[in-house]
Amino acid sequence: MANTARVHIVKRDAGWAIKKEGKERASSLHDNKQDALRASNSLTKKGFDVIVHNADGSVSKWKKSK
């Protein structure tokens, strides 16, 4: 997996989405931000950086891949 692979956790009307960079659709949708963060843990192990956004769209955290 390339070092530049990224996913974003973003607020949507229906909850919190995990969306791979460059894709139009979300990979998964979660009821709350904590559930989305838990789900993203497996992605960091697969080589993805995870960029966590606040509800307003600003970046709150950047989790580097392991």
C-alpha atoms as a PDB file:
ATOM      1  CA  MET A   1       0.000   0.000   0.000  1.00  0.00           C
ATOM      2  CA  ALA A   2       1.318   3.466  -0.866  1.00  0.00           C
ATOM      3  CA  ASN A   3       2.372   5.738   1.977  1.00  0.00           C
ATOM      4  CA  THR A   4      -0.022   8.416   0.719  1.00  0.00           C
ATOM      5  CA  ALA A   5      -3.188   6.317   1.154  1.00  0.00           C
ATOM      6  CA  ARG A   6      -5.593   8.326   3.306  1.00  0.00           C
ATOM      7  CA  VAL A   7      -9.085   8.045   4.682  1.00  0.00           C
ATOM      8  CA  HIS A   8     -11.142  10.796   6.241  1.00  0.00           C
ATOM      9  CA  ILE A   9     -13.663  10.618   9.074  1.00  0.00           C
ATOM     10  CA  VAL A  10     -16.261  13.277   8.298  1.00  0.00           C
ATOM     11  CA  LYS A  11     -19.654  14.350   9.634  1.00  0.00           C
ATOM     12  CA  ARG A  12     -22.638  13.553   7.466  1.00  0.00           C
ATOM     13  CA  ASP A  13     -26.364  14.158   8.038  1.00  0.00           C
ATOM     14  CA  ALA A  14     -26.852  10.475   8.885  1.00  0.00           C
ATOM     15  CA  GLY A  15     -23.788  10.134  11.157  1.00  0.00           C
ATOM     16  CA  TRP A  16     -20.000   9.888  10.747  1.00  0.00           C
ATOM     17  CA  ALA A  17     -18.546   8.506   7.521  1.00  0.00           C
ATOM     18  CA  ILE A  18     -15.217   6.898   6.729  1.00  0.00           C
ATOM     19  CA  LYS A  19     -14.298   7.963   3.206  1.00  0.00           C
ATOM     20  CA  LYS A  20     -11.214   6.963   1.234  1.00  0.00           C
ATOM     21  CA  GLU A  21      -9.466   9.913  -0.378  1.00  0.00           C
ATOM     22  CA  GLY A  22     -10.348  10.205  -4.065  1.00  0.00           C
ATOM     23  CA  LYS A  23     -13.560   8.174  -3.778  1.00  0.00           C
ATOM     24  CA  GLU A  24     -17.041   9.660  -4.036  1.00  0.00           C
ATOM     25  CA  ARG A  25     -18.825   7.287  -1.675  1.00  0.00           C
ATOM     26  CA  ALA A  26     -18.119   6.537   1.967  1.00  0.00           C
ATOM     27  CA  SER A  27     -16.668   3.137   2.856  1.00  0.00           C
ATOM     28  CA  SER A  28     -18.794   2.980   6.001  1.00  0.00           C
ATOM     29  CA  LEU A  29     -21.216   5.079   8.047  1.00  0.00           C
ATOM     30  CA  HIS A  30     -21.366   5.141  11.862  1.00  0.00           C
ATOM     31  CA  ASP A  31     -23.804   6.539  14.413  1.00  0.00           C
ATOM     32  CA  ASN A  32     -21.134   8.542  16.224  1.00  0.00           C
ATOM     33  CA  LYS A  33     -17.555   9.730  15.879  1.00  0.00           C
ATOM     34  CA  GLN A  34     -16.198   7.242  18.442  1.00  0.00           C
ATOM     35  CA  ASP A  35     -17.563   4.283  16.468  1.00  0.00           C
ATOM     36  CA  ALA A  36     -15.951   5.646  13.304  1.00  0.00           C
ATOM     37  CA  LEU A  37     -12.628   6.063  15.127  1.00  0.00           C
ATOM     38  CA  ARG A  38     -12.765   2.460  16.372  1.00  0.00           C
ATOM     39  CA  ALA A  39     -13.505   1.219  12.857  1.00  0.00           C
ATOM     40  CA  SER A  40     -10.576   3.220  11.472  1.00  0.00           C
ATOM     41  CA  ASN A  41      -8.038   1.408  13.697  1.00  0.00           C
ATOM     42  CA  SER A  42      -7.893  -1.516  11.285  1.00  0.00           C
ATOM     43  CA  LEU A  43      -7.210   0.890   8.416  1.00  0.00           C
ATOM     44  CA  THR A  44      -4.067   2.315  10.050  1.00  0.00           C
ATOM     45  CA  LYS A  45      -2.768  -1.258  10.322  1.00  0.00           C
ATOM     46  CA  LYS A  46      -3.407  -1.685   6.579  1.00  0.00           C
ATOM     47  CA  GLY A  47      -1.267   1.352   5.715  1.00  0.00           C
ATOM     48  CA  PHE A  48      -3.821   4.175   5.646  1.00  0.00           C
ATOM     49  CA  ASP A  49      -3.368   7.522   7.358  1.00  0.00           C
ATOM     50  CA  VAL A  50      -6.650   8.524   9.018  1.00  0.00           C
ATOM     51  CA  ILE A  51      -7.604  12.197   9.047  1.00  0.00           C
ATOM     52  CA  VAL A  52     -10.280  12.934  11.649  1.00  0.00           C
ATOM     53  CA  HIS A  53     -12.456  16.004  11.095  1.00  0.00           C
ATOM     54  CA  ASN A  54     -14.630  18.008  13.465  1.00  0.00           C
ATOM     55  CA  ALA A  55     -18.302  18.513  12.642  1.00  0.00           C
ATOM     56  CA  ASP A  56     -17.408  21.877  11.032  1.00  0.00           C
ATOM     57  CA  GLY A  57     -14.965  20.174   8.656  1.00  0.00           C
ATOM     58  CA  SER A  58     -11.734  21.321  10.297  1.00  0.00           C
ATOM     59  CA  VAL A  59      -9.077  18.687  11.016  1.00  0.00           C
ATOM     60  CA  SER A  60      -8.867  17.590  14.639  1.00  0.00           C
ATOM     61  CA  LYS A  61      -6.403  14.687  14.398  1.00  0.00           C
ATOM     62  CA  TRP A  62      -4.152  12.866  11.942  1.00  0.00           C
ATOM     63  CA  LYS A  63      -3.457   9.213  12.749  1.00  0.00           C
ATOM     64  CA  LYS A  64      -0.408   7.917  10.858  1.00  0.00           C
ATOM     65  CA  SER A  65      -0.404   4.367   9.506  1.00  0.00           C
ATOM     66  CA  LYS A  66       1.424   1.715  11.494  1.00  0.00           C
END
